[in-house]
PDB file of N, CA and C in Angstrom:
ATOM      1  N   GLN A   1       7.027  -6.532  -4.869  1.00  0.00           N
ATOM      2  CA  GLN A   1       6.913  -6.904  -3.461  1.00  0.00           C
ATOM      3  C   GLN A   1       8.314  -7.039  -2.855  1.00  0.00           C
ATOM      4  N   LEU A   2       8.454  -6.534  -1.651  1.00  0.00           N
ATOM      5  CA  LEU A   2       9.729  -6.583  -0.948  1.00  0.00           C
ATOM      6  C   LEU A   2       9.522  -7.281   0.381  1.00  0.00           C
ATOM      7  N   VAL A   3      10.358  -8.276   0.665  1.00  0.00           N
ATOM      8  CA  VAL A   3      10.224  -9.047   1.896  1.00  0.00           C
ATOM      9  C   VAL A   3      11.570  -9.089   2.606  1.00  0.00           C
ATOM     10  N   GLU A   4      11.612  -8.508   3.813  1.00  0.00           N
ATOM     11  CA  GLU A   4      12.833  -8.503   4.615  1.00  0.00           C
ATOM     12  C   GLU A   4      12.896  -9.738   5.511  1.00  0.00           C
ATOM     13  N   SER A   5      14.100 -10.113   5.846  1.00  0.00           N
ATOM     14  CA  SER A   5      14.332 -11.184   6.813  1.00  0.00           C
ATOM     15  C   SER A   5      15.695 -10.971   7.442  1.00  0.00           C
ATOM     16  N   GLY A   6      15.937 -11.710   8.522  1.00  0.00           N
ATOM     17  CA  GLY A   6      17.255 -11.665   9.154  1.00  0.00           C
ATOM     18  C   GLY A   6      17.345 -10.862  10.428  1.00  0.00           C
ATOM     19  N   GLY A   7      16.273 -10.197  10.808  1.00  0.00           N
ATOM     20  CA  GLY A   7      16.307  -9.441  12.048  1.00  0.00           C
ATOM     21  C   GLY A   7      16.325 -10.356  13.259  1.00  0.00           C
ATOM     22  N   GLY A   8      16.532  -9.752  14.421  1.00  0.00           N
ATOM     23  CA  GLY A   8      16.537 -10.533  15.649  1.00  0.00           C
ATOM     24  C   GLY A   8      17.132  -9.766  16.793  1.00  0.00           C
ATOM     25  N   LEU A   9      17.425 -10.503  17.867  1.00  0.00           N
ATOM     26  CA  LEU A   9      18.018  -9.937  19.067  1.00  0.00           C
ATOM     27  C   LEU A   9      19.498 -10.295  19.106  1.00  0.00           C
ATOM     28  N   VAL A  10      20.336  -9.287  19.331  1.00  0.00           N
ATOM     29  CA  VAL A  10      21.776  -9.514  19.367  1.00  0.00           C
ATOM     30  C   VAL A  10      22.383  -8.639  20.457  1.00  0.00           C
ATOM     31  N   GLN A  11      23.484  -9.072  21.022  1.00  0.00           N
ATOM     32  CA  GLN A  11      24.195  -8.288  22.022  1.00  0.00           C
ATOM     33  C   GLN A  11      24.987  -7.168  21.338  1.00  0.00           C
ATOM     34  N   ALA A  12      25.195  -6.099  22.069  1.00  0.00           N
ATOM     35  CA  ALA A  12      26.015  -5.011  21.546  1.00  0.00           C
ATOM     36  C   ALA A  12      27.379  -5.545  21.119  1.00  0.00           C
ATOM     37  N   GLY A  13      27.844  -5.074  19.972  1.00  0.00           N
ATOM     38  CA  GLY A  13      29.088  -5.562  19.402  1.00  0.00           C
ATOM     39  C   GLY A  13      28.910  -6.725  18.451  1.00  0.00           C
ATOM     40  N   GLY A  14      27.723  -7.278  18.414  1.00  0.00           N
ATOM     41  CA  GLY A  14      27.444  -8.419  17.556  1.00  0.00           C
ATOM     42  C   GLY A  14      27.110  -8.014  16.130  1.00  0.00           C
ATOM     43  N   SER A  15      26.727  -9.006  15.338  1.00  0.00           N
ATOM     44  CA  SER A  15      26.451  -8.796  13.923  1.00  0.00           C
ATOM     45  C   SER A  15      25.140  -9.455  13.517  1.00  0.00           C
ATOM     46  N   LEU A  16      24.534  -8.894  12.499  1.00  0.00           N
ATOM     47  CA  LEU A  16      23.363  -9.473  11.845  1.00  0.00           C
ATOM     48  C   LEU A  16      23.462  -9.174  10.355  1.00  0.00           C
ATOM     49  N   ARG A  17      22.852 -10.022   9.548  1.00  0.00           N
ATOM     50  CA  ARG A  17      22.742  -9.742   8.118  1.00  0.00           C
ATOM     51  C   ARG A  17      21.277  -9.769   7.730  1.00  0.00           C
ATOM     52  N   LEU A  18      20.800  -8.655   7.250  1.00  0.00           N
ATOM     53  CA  LEU A  18      19.434  -8.559   6.759  1.00  0.00           C
ATOM     54  C   LEU A  18      19.405  -8.871   5.265  1.00  0.00           C
ATOM     55  N   SER A  19      18.305  -9.463   4.844  1.00  0.00           N
ATOM     56  CA  SER A  19      18.089  -9.733   3.431  1.00  0.00           C
ATOM     57  C   SER A  19      16.772  -9.115   2.991  1.00  0.00           C
ATOM     58  N   CYS A  20      16.705  -8.763   1.733  1.00  0.00           N
ATOM     59  CA  CYS A  20      15.482  -8.238   1.137  1.00  0.00           C
ATOM     60  C   CYS A  20      15.275  -8.956  -0.190  1.00  0.00           C
ATOM     61  N   ALA A  21      14.233  -9.761  -0.270  1.00  0.00           N
ATOM     62  CA  ALA A  21      13.893 -10.467  -1.501  1.00  0.00           C
ATOM     63  C   ALA A  21      12.863  -9.653  -2.259  1.00  0.00           C
ATOM     64  N   ALA A  22      13.145  -9.399  -3.539  1.00  0.00           N
ATOM     65  CA  ALA A  22      12.275  -8.553  -4.350  1.00  0.00           C
ATOM     66  C   ALA A  22      11.607  -9.358  -5.448  1.00  0.00           C
ATOM     67  N   SER A  23      10.376  -8.974  -5.759  1.00  0.00           N
ATOM     68  CA  SER A  23       9.657  -9.589  -6.862  1.00  0.00           C
ATOM     69  C   SER A  23       8.697  -8.554  -7.448  1.00  0.00           C
ATOM     70  N   GLY A  24       8.250  -8.823  -8.667  1.00  0.00           N
ATOM     71  CA  GLY A  24       7.241  -7.966  -9.254  1.00  0.00           C
ATOM     72  C   GLY A  24       7.746  -6.885 -10.177  1.00  0.00           C
ATOM     73  N   ARG A  25       9.048  -6.654 -10.204  1.00  0.00           N
ATOM     74  CA  ARG A  25       9.610  -5.692 -11.138  1.00  0.00           C
ATOM     75  C   ARG A  25      11.019  -6.161 -11.467  1.00  0.00           C
ATOM     76  N   THR A  26      11.649  -5.535 -12.428  1.00  0.00           N
ATOM     77  CA  THR A  26      13.010  -5.920 -12.805  1.00  0.00           C
ATOM     78  C   THR A  26      13.973  -5.380 -11.772  1.00  0.00           C
ATOM     79  N   PHE A  27      14.322  -6.233 -10.829  1.00  0.00           N
ATOM     80  CA  PHE A  27      15.125  -5.839  -9.675  1.00  0.00           C
ATOM     81  C   PHE A  27      16.394  -5.110 -10.088  1.00  0.00           C
ATOM     82  N   SER A  28      17.062  -5.639 -11.095  1.00  0.00           N
ATOM     83  CA  SER A  28      18.371  -5.099 -11.471  1.00  0.00           C
ATOM     84  C   SER A  28      18.311  -3.705 -12.076  1.00  0.00           C
ATOM     85  N   SER A  29      17.106  -3.190 -12.303  1.00  0.00           N
ATOM     86  CA  SER A  29      16.962  -1.870 -12.911  1.00  0.00           C
ATOM     87  C   SER A  29      16.796  -0.747 -11.896  1.00  0.00           C
ATOM     88  N   TYR A  30      16.689  -1.101 -10.615  1.00  0.00           N
ATOM     89  CA  TYR A  30      16.318  -0.103  -9.611  1.00  0.00           C
ATOM     90  C   TYR A  30      17.336  -0.004  -8.493  1.00  0.00           C
ATOM     91  N   ALA A  31      17.599   1.240  -8.088  1.00  0.00           N
ATOM     92  CA  ALA A  31      18.349   1.441  -6.855  1.00  0.00           C
ATOM     93  C   ALA A  31      17.523   0.905  -5.693  1.00  0.00           C
ATOM     94  N   MET A  32      18.229   0.435  -4.676  1.00  0.00           N
ATOM     95  CA  MET A  32      17.575  -0.135  -3.496  1.00  0.00           C
ATOM     96  C   MET A  32      18.152   0.518  -2.245  1.00  0.00           C
ATOM     97  N   GLY A  33      17.390   0.453  -1.173  1.00  0.00           N
ATOM     98  CA  GLY A  33      17.879   1.065   0.054  1.00  0.00           C
ATOM     99  C   GLY A  33      17.343   0.399   1.305  1.00  0.00           C
ATOM    100  N   TRP A  34      17.956   0.760   2.405  1.00  0.00           N
ATOM    101  CA  TRP A  34      17.505   0.347   3.739  1.00  0.00           C
ATOM    102  C   TRP A  34      17.197   1.611   4.547  1.00  0.00           C
ATOM    103  N   PHE A  35      16.080   1.544   5.254  1.00  0.00           N
ATOM    104  CA  PHE A  35      15.681   2.587   6.184  1.00  0.00           C
ATOM    105  C   PHE A  35      15.387   1.918   7.525  1.00  0.00           C
ATOM    106  N   ARG A  36      15.305   2.717   8.583  1.00  0.00           N
ATOM    107  CA  ARG A  36      14.945   2.157   9.887  1.00  0.00           C
ATOM    108  C   ARG A  36      14.095   3.162  10.656  1.00  0.00           C
ATOM    109  N   GLN A  37      13.307   2.617  11.547  1.00  0.00           N
ATOM    110  CA  GLN A  37      12.463   3.454  12.393  1.00  0.00           C
ATOM    111  C   GLN A  37      12.504   2.920  13.820  1.00  0.00           C
ATOM    112  N   ALA A  38      13.012   3.742  14.709  1.00  0.00           N
ATOM    113  CA  ALA A  38      13.053   3.400  16.124  1.00  0.00           C
ATOM    114  C   ALA A  38      11.761   3.875  16.790  1.00  0.00           C
ATOM    115  N   PRO A  39      11.407   3.289  17.919  1.00  0.00           N
ATOM    116  CA  PRO A  39      10.174   3.697  18.611  1.00  0.00           C
ATOM    117  C   PRO A  39      10.165   5.193  18.910  1.00  0.00           C
ATOM    118  N   GLY A  40       9.077   5.847  18.533  1.00  0.00           N
ATOM    119  CA  GLY A  40       8.933   7.265  18.814  1.00  0.00           C
ATOM    120  C   GLY A  40       9.705   8.183  17.900  1.00  0.00           C
ATOM    121  N   LYS A  41      10.343   7.612  16.891  1.00  0.00           N
ATOM    122  CA  LYS A  41      11.144   8.430  15.974  1.00  0.00           C
ATOM    123  C   LYS A  41      10.646   8.276  14.548  1.00  0.00           C
ATOM    124  N   GLU A  42      11.052   9.198  13.688  1.00  0.00           N
ATOM    125  CA  GLU A  42      10.702   9.096  12.284  1.00  0.00           C
ATOM    126  C   GLU A  42      11.610   8.089  11.579  1.00  0.00           C
ATOM    127  N   ARG A  43      11.107   7.577  10.483  1.00  0.00           N
ATOM    128  CA  ARG A  43      11.918   6.666   9.680  1.00  0.00           C
ATOM    129  C   ARG A  43      13.116   7.418   9.113  1.00  0.00           C
ATOM    130  N   GLU A  44      14.282   6.793   9.162  1.00  0.00           N
ATOM    131  CA  GLU A  44      15.500   7.437   8.687  1.00  0.00           C
ATOM    132  C   GLU A  44      16.222   6.562   7.680  1.00  0.00           C
ATOM    133  N   PHE A  45      16.918   7.236   6.793  1.00  0.00           N
ATOM    134  CA  PHE A  45      17.736   6.562   5.784  1.00  0.00           C
ATOM    135  C   PHE A  45      18.934   5.893   6.442  1.00  0.00           C
ATOM    136  N   VAL A  46      19.250   4.680   5.997  1.00  0.00           N
ATOM    137  CA  VAL A  46      20.424   3.961   6.502  1.00  0.00           C
ATOM    138  C   VAL A  46      21.473   3.791   5.408  1.00  0.00           C
ATOM    139  N   ALA A  47      21.055   3.228   4.272  1.00  0.00           N
ATOM    140  CA  ALA A  47      22.012   2.950   3.205  1.00  0.00           C
ATOM    141  C   ALA A  47      21.277   2.767   1.891  1.00  0.00           C
ATOM    142  N   ALA A  48      22.009   2.962   0.793  1.00  0.00           N
ATOM    143  CA  ALA A  48      21.441   2.759  -0.534  1.00  0.00           C
ATOM    144  C   ALA A  48      22.502   2.198  -1.457  1.00  0.00           C
ATOM    145  N   ILE A  49      22.024   1.548  -2.521  1.00  0.00           N
ATOM    146  CA  ILE A  49      22.930   0.974  -3.508  1.00  0.00           C
ATOM    147  C   ILE A  49      22.324   1.200  -4.883  1.00  0.00           C
ATOM    148  N   THR A  50      23.154   1.594  -5.839  1.00  0.00           N
ATOM    149  CA  THR A  50      22.663   1.843  -7.187  1.00  0.00           C
ATOM    150  C   THR A  50      22.262   0.547  -7.879  1.00  0.00           C
ATOM    151  N   PHE A  51      21.616   0.650  -9.026  1.00  0.00           N
ATOM    152  CA  PHE A  51      21.057  -0.541  -9.663  1.00  0.00           C
ATOM    153  C   PHE A  51      22.139  -1.530 -10.081  1.00  0.00           C
ATOM    154  N   THR A  52      23.343  -1.028 -10.386  1.00  0.00           N
ATOM    155  CA  THR A  52      24.435  -1.939 -10.747  1.00  0.00           C
ATOM    156  C   THR A  52      25.180  -2.453  -9.528  1.00  0.00           C
ATOM    157  N   GLY A  53      24.987  -1.780  -8.412  1.00  0.00           N
ATOM    158  CA  GLY A  53      25.773  -2.096  -7.221  1.00  0.00           C
ATOM    159  C   GLY A  53      27.090  -1.358  -7.163  1.00  0.00           C
ATOM    160  N   GLY A  54      27.348  -0.533  -8.177  1.00  0.00           N
ATOM    161  CA  GLY A  54      28.615   0.165  -8.228  1.00  0.00           C
ATOM    162  C   GLY A  54      28.724   1.353  -7.293  1.00  0.00           C
ATOM    163  N   GLY A  55      27.608   1.841  -6.816  1.00  0.00           N
ATOM    164  CA  GLY A  55      27.623   2.965  -5.897  1.00  0.00           C
ATOM    165  C   GLY A  55      26.881   2.623  -4.622  1.00  0.00           C
ATOM    166  N   THR A  56      27.486   2.947  -3.487  1.00  0.00           N
ATOM    167  CA  THR A  56      26.834   2.718  -2.202  1.00  0.00           C
ATOM    168  C   THR A  56      26.903   3.984  -1.362  1.00  0.00           C
ATOM    169  N   TYR A  57      25.897   4.176  -0.540  1.00  0.00           N
ATOM    170  CA  TYR A  57      25.767   5.392   0.247  1.00  0.00           C
ATOM    171  C   TYR A  57      25.290   5.011   1.649  1.00  0.00           C
ATOM    172  N   TYR A  58      25.792   5.726   2.648  1.00  0.00           N
ATOM    173  CA  TYR A  58      25.461   5.404   4.028  1.00  0.00           C
ATOM    174  C   TYR A  58      25.212   6.671   4.835  1.00  0.00           C
ATOM    175  N   THR A  59      24.344   6.560   5.806  1.00  0.00           N
ATOM    176  CA  THR A  59      24.242   7.625   6.781  1.00  0.00           C
ATOM    177  C   THR A  59      25.477   7.571   7.679  1.00  0.00           C
ATOM    178  N   ASP A  60      25.866   8.715   8.205  1.00  0.00           N
ATOM    179  CA  ASP A  60      27.131   8.793   8.931  1.00  0.00           C
ATOM    180  C   ASP A  60      27.222   7.825  10.106  1.00  0.00           C
ATOM    181  N   SER A  61      26.113   7.598  10.780  1.00  0.00           N
ATOM    182  CA  SER A  61      26.155   6.803  12.008  1.00  0.00           C
ATOM    183  C   SER A  61      26.457   5.328  11.767  1.00  0.00           C
ATOM    184  N   VAL A  62      26.360   4.858  10.532  1.00  0.00           N
ATOM    185  CA  VAL A  62      26.622   3.440  10.258  1.00  0.00           C
ATOM    186  C   VAL A  62      27.849   3.230   9.381  1.00  0.00           C
ATOM    187  N   LYS A  63      28.461   4.287   8.926  1.00  0.00           N
ATOM    188  CA  LYS A  63      29.641   4.147   8.070  1.00  0.00           C
ATOM    189  C   LYS A  63      30.736   3.383   8.801  1.00  0.00           C
ATOM    190  N   GLY A  64      31.335   2.428   8.101  1.00  0.00           N
ATOM    191  CA  GLY A  64      32.382   1.605   8.690  1.00  0.00           C
ATOM    192  C   GLY A  64      31.867   0.409   9.464  1.00  0.00           C
ATOM    193  N   ARG A  65      30.569   0.364   9.719  1.00  0.00           N
ATOM    194  CA  ARG A  65      29.980  -0.764  10.455  1.00  0.00           C
ATOM    195  C   ARG A  65      29.005  -1.564   9.594  1.00  0.00           C
ATOM    196  N   PHE A  66      28.263  -0.901   8.734  1.00  0.00           N
ATOM    197  CA  PHE A  66      27.268  -1.568   7.890  1.00  0.00           C
ATOM    198  C   PHE A  66      27.773  -1.610   6.449  1.00  0.00           C
ATOM    199  N   THR A  67      27.390  -2.684   5.744  1.00  0.00           N
ATOM    200  CA  THR A  67      27.706  -2.812   4.328  1.00  0.00           C
ATOM    201  C   THR A  67      26.470  -3.251   3.565  1.00  0.00           C
ATOM    202  N   ILE A  68      26.108  -2.463   2.572  1.00  0.00           N
ATOM    203  CA  ILE A  68      24.978  -2.813   1.714  1.00  0.00           C
ATOM    204  C   ILE A  68      25.504  -3.486   0.459  1.00  0.00           C
ATOM    205  N   SER A  69      24.776  -4.486  -0.015  1.00  0.00           N
ATOM    206  CA  SER A  69      25.180  -5.185  -1.225  1.00  0.00           C
ATOM    207  C   SER A  69      23.934  -5.757  -1.895  1.00  0.00           C
ATOM    208  N   ARG A  70      24.105  -6.232  -3.112  1.00  0.00           N
ATOM    209  CA  ARG A  70      22.967  -6.821  -3.833  1.00  0.00           C
ATOM    210  C   ARG A  70      23.467  -7.927  -4.748  1.00  0.00           C
ATOM    211  N   ASN A  71      22.576  -8.863  -5.004  1.00  0.00           N
ATOM    212  CA  ASN A  71      22.833  -9.934  -5.955  1.00  0.00           C
ATOM    213  C   ASN A  71      21.693  -9.888  -6.963  1.00  0.00           C
ATOM    214  N   ASN A  72      21.932  -9.268  -8.101  1.00  0.00           N
ATOM    215  CA  ASN A  72      20.857  -9.087  -9.078  1.00  0.00           C
ATOM    216  C   ASN A  72      20.387 -10.414  -9.663  1.00  0.00           C
ATOM    217  N   ALA A  73      21.238 -11.404  -9.694  1.00  0.00           N
ATOM    218  CA  ALA A  73      20.833 -12.717 -10.201  1.00  0.00           C
ATOM    219  C   ALA A  73      19.833 -13.396  -9.265  1.00  0.00           C
ATOM    220  N   LYS A  74      19.882 -13.022  -7.980  1.00  0.00           N
ATOM    221  CA  LYS A  74      18.977 -13.614  -6.986  1.00  0.00           C
ATOM    222  C   LYS A  74      17.864 -12.661  -6.562  1.00  0.00           C
ATOM    223  N   ASN A  75      17.824 -11.467  -7.188  1.00  0.00           N
ATOM    224  CA  ASN A  75      16.804 -10.471  -6.825  1.00  0.00           C
ATOM    225  C   ASN A  75      16.804 -10.195  -5.323  1.00  0.00           C
ATOM    226  N   THR A  76      17.983 -10.077  -4.757  1.00  0.00           N
ATOM    227  CA  THR A  76      18.101  -9.941  -3.312  1.00  0.00           C
ATOM    228  C   THR A  76      19.121  -8.862  -2.961  1.00  0.00           C
ATOM    229  N   MET A  77      18.787  -8.105  -1.921  1.00  0.00           N
ATOM    230  CA  MET A  77      19.679  -7.093  -1.376  1.00  0.00           C
ATOM    231  C   MET A  77      19.999  -7.473   0.062  1.00  0.00           C
ATOM    232  N   TYR A  78      21.161  -7.033   0.522  1.00  0.00           N
ATOM    233  CA  TYR A  78      21.603  -7.391   1.862  1.00  0.00           C
ATOM    234  C   TYR A  78      22.065  -6.153   2.633  1.00  0.00           C
ATOM    235  N   LEU A  79      22.039  -6.291   3.943  1.00  0.00           N
ATOM    236  CA  LEU A  79      22.657  -5.298   4.811  1.00  0.00           C
ATOM    237  C   LEU A  79      23.422  -6.056   5.888  1.00  0.00           C
ATOM    238  N   GLN A  80      24.736  -6.050   5.772  1.00  0.00           N
ATOM    239  CA  GLN A  80      25.581  -6.661   6.793  1.00  0.00           C
ATOM    240  C   GLN A  80      25.831  -5.615   7.868  1.00  0.00           C
ATOM    241  N   MET A  81      25.454  -5.940   9.085  1.00  0.00           N
ATOM    242  CA  MET A  81      25.572  -4.996  10.203  1.00  0.00           C
ATOM    243  C   MET A  81      26.531  -5.559  11.236  1.00  0.00           C
ATOM    244  N   ASN A  82      27.639  -4.894  11.423  1.00  0.00           N
ATOM    245  CA  ASN A  82      28.654  -5.310  12.400  1.00  0.00           C
ATOM    246  C   ASN A  82      28.772  -4.267  13.506  1.00  0.00           C
ATOM    247  N   SER A  83      29.398  -4.658  14.591  1.00  0.00           N
ATOM    248  CA  SER A  83      29.617  -3.748  15.723  1.00  0.00           C
ATOM    249  C   SER A  83      28.328  -3.032  16.108  1.00  0.00           C
ATOM    250  N   LEU A  84      27.281  -3.797  16.240  1.00  0.00           N
ATOM    251  CA  LEU A  84      25.974  -3.215  16.514  1.00  0.00           C
ATOM    252  C   LEU A  84      25.934  -2.535  17.875  1.00  0.00           C
ATOM    253  N   LYS A  85      25.157  -1.459  17.917  1.00  0.00           N
ATOM    254  CA  LYS A  85      25.006  -0.668  19.135  1.00  0.00           C
ATOM    255  C   LYS A  85      23.530  -0.642  19.539  1.00  0.00           C
ATOM    256  N   PRO A  86      23.250  -0.411  20.806  1.00  0.00           N
ATOM    257  CA  PRO A  86      21.836  -0.321  21.213  1.00  0.00           C
ATOM    258  C   PRO A  86      21.053   0.716  20.407  1.00  0.00           C
ATOM    259  N   GLU A  87      21.702   1.777  19.997  1.00  0.00           N
ATOM    260  CA  GLU A  87      20.995   2.807  19.220  1.00  0.00           C
ATOM    261  C   GLU A  87      20.664   2.372  17.799  1.00  0.00           C
ATOM    262  N   ASP A  88      21.140   1.194  17.402  1.00  0.00           N
ATOM    263  CA  ASP A  88      20.744   0.627  16.101  1.00  0.00           C
ATOM    264  C   ASP A  88      19.405  -0.102  16.188  1.00  0.00           C
ATOM    265  N   THR A  89      18.876  -0.249  17.388  1.00  0.00           N
ATOM    266  CA  THR A  89      17.595  -0.920  17.570  1.00  0.00           C
ATOM    267  C   THR A  89      16.494  -0.178  16.826  1.00  0.00           C
ATOM    268  N   ALA A  90      15.785  -0.905  15.959  1.00  0.00           N
ATOM    269  CA  ALA A  90      14.746  -0.296  15.126  1.00  0.00           C
ATOM    270  C   ALA A  90      14.102  -1.380  14.280  1.00  0.00           C
ATOM    271  N   VAL A  91      13.020  -1.005  13.627  1.00  0.00           N
ATOM    272  CA  VAL A  91      12.482  -1.824  12.547  1.00  0.00           C
ATOM    273  C   VAL A  91      13.184  -1.375  11.269  1.00  0.00           C
ATOM    274  N   TYR A  92      13.746  -2.318  10.561  1.00  0.00           N
ATOM    275  CA  TYR A  92      14.486  -2.034   9.344  1.00  0.00           C
ATOM    276  C   TYR A  92      13.625  -2.371   8.127  1.00  0.00           C
ATOM    277  N   TYR A  93      13.562  -1.412   7.202  1.00  0.00           N
ATOM    278  CA  TYR A  93      12.736  -1.547   6.014  1.00  0.00           C
ATOM    279  C   TYR A  93      13.589  -1.547   4.753  1.00  0.00           C
ATOM    280  N   CYS A  94      13.241  -2.410   3.862  1.00  0.00           N
ATOM    281  CA  CYS A  94      13.811  -2.445   2.529  1.00  0.00           C
ATOM    282  C   CYS A  94      13.003  -1.499   1.640  1.00  0.00           C
ATOM    283  N   ALA A  95      13.665  -0.841   0.697  1.00  0.00           N
ATOM    284  CA  ALA A  95      12.968   0.088  -0.172  1.00  0.00           C
ATOM    285  C   ALA A  95      13.507   0.010  -1.589  1.00  0.00           C
ATOM    286  N   ALA A  96      12.628   0.283  -2.548  1.00  0.00           N
ATOM    287  CA  ALA A  96      13.006   0.307  -3.958  1.00  0.00           C
ATOM    288  C   ALA A  96      12.721   1.695  -4.527  1.00  0.00           C
ATOM    289  N   ALA A  97      13.593   2.124  -5.426  1.00  0.00           N
ATOM    290  CA  ALA A  97      13.429   3.439  -6.045  1.00  0.00           C
ATOM    291  C   ALA A  97      12.227   3.461  -6.983  1.00  0.00           C
ATOM    292  N   ARG A  98      11.667   4.652  -7.183  1.00  0.00           N
ATOM    293  CA  ARG A  98      10.479   4.788  -8.026  1.00  0.00           C
ATOM    294  C   ARG A  98      10.813   4.799  -9.506  1.00  0.00           C
ATOM    295  N   ILE A  99      12.026   5.172  -9.892  1.00  0.00           N
ATOM    296  CA  ILE A  99      12.393   5.303 -11.301  1.00  0.00           C
ATOM    297  C   ILE A  99      13.584   4.398 -11.587  1.00  0.00           C
ATOM    298  N   SER A 100      13.485   3.645 -12.658  1.00  0.00           N
ATOM    299  CA  SER A 100      14.580   2.738 -13.010  1.00  0.00           C
ATOM    300  C   SER A 100      15.804   3.518 -13.478  1.00  0.00           C
ATOM    301  N   TYR A 101      16.937   2.940 -13.260  1.00  0.00           N
ATOM    302  CA  TYR A 101      18.232   3.472 -13.725  1.00  0.00           C
ATOM    303  C   TYR A 101      18.475   4.900 -13.235  1.00  0.00           C
ATOM    304  N   TYR A 102      18.008   5.199 -12.023  1.00  0.00           N
ATOM    305  CA  TYR A 102      18.071   6.576 -11.554  1.00  0.00           C
ATOM    306  C   TYR A 102      18.170   6.591 -10.044  1.00  0.00           C
ATOM    307  N   TYR A 103      19.137   7.318  -9.512  1.00  0.00           N
ATOM    308  CA  TYR A 103      19.226   7.477  -8.066  1.00  0.00           C
ATOM    309  C   TYR A 103      19.893   8.805  -7.758  1.00  0.00           C
ATOM    310  N   THR A 104      19.213   9.605  -6.936  1.00  0.00           N
ATOM    311  CA  THR A 104      19.799  10.879  -6.530  1.00  0.00           C
ATOM    312  C   THR A 104      19.893  11.019  -5.020  1.00  0.00           C
ATOM    313  N   GLY A 105      19.119  10.216  -4.277  1.00  0.00           N
ATOM    314  CA  GLY A 105      19.157  10.349  -2.832  1.00  0.00           C
ATOM    315  C   GLY A 105      17.997   9.644  -2.163  1.00  0.00           C
ATOM    316  N   PRO A 106      17.919   9.749  -0.823  1.00  0.00           N
ATOM    317  CA  PRO A 106      16.912   9.012  -0.055  1.00  0.00           C
ATOM    318  C   PRO A 106      15.464   9.295  -0.432  1.00  0.00           C
ATOM    319  N   ASN A 107      15.174  10.415  -1.087  1.00  0.00           N
ATOM    320  CA  ASN A 107      13.794  10.715  -1.451  1.00  0.00           C
ATOM    321  C   ASN A 107      13.332   9.979  -2.704  1.00  0.00           C
ATOM    322  N   ASP A 108      14.222   9.185  -3.311  1.00  0.00           N
ATOM    323  CA  ASP A 108      13.882   8.478  -4.544  1.00  0.00           C
ATOM    324  C   ASP A 108      13.057   7.221  -4.323  1.00  0.00           C
ATOM    325  N   PHE A 109      12.896   6.794  -3.069  1.00  0.00           N
ATOM    326  CA  PHE A 109      12.264   5.501  -2.810  1.00  0.00           C
ATOM    327  C   PHE A 109      10.767   5.625  -2.586  1.00  0.00           C
ATOM    328  N   ASN A 110       9.994   4.681  -3.157  1.00  0.00           N
ATOM    329  CA  ASN A 110       8.542   4.746  -2.984  1.00  0.00           C
ATOM    330  C   ASN A 110       7.893   3.392  -2.741  1.00  0.00           C
ATOM    331  N   SER A 111       8.677   2.335  -2.676  1.00  0.00           N
ATOM    332  CA  SER A 111       8.114   1.009  -2.391  1.00  0.00           C
ATOM    333  C   SER A 111       8.814   0.461  -1.159  1.00  0.00           C
ATOM    334  N   TRP A 112       8.037  -0.131  -0.251  1.00  0.00           N
ATOM    335  CA  TRP A 112       8.570  -0.543   1.048  1.00  0.00           C
ATOM    336  C   TRP A 112       8.166  -1.960   1.394  1.00  0.00           C
ATOM    337  N   GLY A 113       9.041  -2.634   2.114  1.00  0.00           N
ATOM    338  CA  GLY A 113       8.691  -3.923   2.671  1.00  0.00           C
ATOM    339  C   GLY A 113       7.950  -3.749   3.982  1.00  0.00           C
ATOM    340  N   GLN A 114       7.674  -4.866   4.646  1.00  0.00           N
ATOM    341  CA  GLN A 114       6.909  -4.822   5.885  1.00  0.00           C
ATOM    342  C   GLN A 114       7.792  -4.572   7.097  1.00  0.00           C
ATOM    343  N   GLY A 115       9.094  -4.712   6.936  1.00  0.00           N
ATOM    344  CA  GLY A 115      10.030  -4.437   8.017  1.00  0.00           C
ATOM    345  C   GLY A 115      10.433  -5.675   8.791  1.00  0.00           C
ATOM    346  N   THR A 116      11.618  -5.598   9.384  1.00  0.00           N
ATOM    347  CA  THR A 116      12.107  -6.657  10.258  1.00  0.00           C
ATOM    348  C   THR A 116      12.731  -5.999  11.484  1.00  0.00           C
ATOM    349  N   GLN A 117      12.427  -6.545  12.640  1.00  0.00           N
ATOM    350  CA  GLN A 117      12.865  -5.939  13.896  1.00  0.00           C
ATOM    351  C   GLN A 117      14.314  -6.320  14.210  1.00  0.00           C
ATOM    352  N   VAL A 118      15.113  -5.319  14.535  1.00  0.00           N
ATOM    353  CA  VAL A 118      16.475  -5.526  15.024  1.00  0.00           C
ATOM    354  C   VAL A 118      16.550  -4.927  16.421  1.00  0.00           C
ATOM    355  N   THR A 119      16.937  -5.757  17.382  1.00  0.00           N
ATOM    356  CA  THR A 119      17.062  -5.303  18.760  1.00  0.00           C
ATOM    357  C   THR A 119      18.483  -5.596  19.237  1.00  0.00           C
ATOM    358  N   VAL A 120      19.162  -4.549  19.696  1.00  0.00           N
ATOM    359  CA  VAL A 120      20.533  -4.691  20.172  1.00  0.00           C
ATOM    360  C   VAL A 120      20.526  -4.447  21.673  1.00  0.00           C
ATOM    361  N   ALA A 121      20.874  -5.483  22.422  1.00  0.00           N
ATOM    362  CA  ALA A 121      20.885  -5.402  23.882  1.00  0.00           C
ATOM    363  C   ALA A 121      22.244  -4.911  24.375  1.00  0.00           C
ATOM    364  N   SER A 122      22.197  -4.060  25.390  1.00  0.00           N
ATOM    365  CA  SER A 122      23.452  -3.514  25.930  1.00  0.00           C
ATOM    366  C   SER A 122      24.066  -4.440  26.965  1.00  0.00           C
TER     367      SER A 122
END
């Protein structure tokens, strides 16, 4: 089970930190990721982190502004979002990879949280 929190309303240029609490599987064995879906658009990849946390990946539009991290001792993943823009407005979803100790890209994820709304006002 994946449960996101930390969303909300923020002014452009502001910051938010999303959290994803995981349960039900060995968290430290799986790559994790963040996706988002804006109204009328398809869900898109935002960021991913390998099971050790040693590798991180970002979509181009958030590079330099967002940071993904994880705390395997707390079974929790984070997304620090800085310099937020109105185009970052979306429902943000936490995701877990389908295969342990394995990550090749955004298509590896098959478990999803319920999402948390992020709204950036201009």
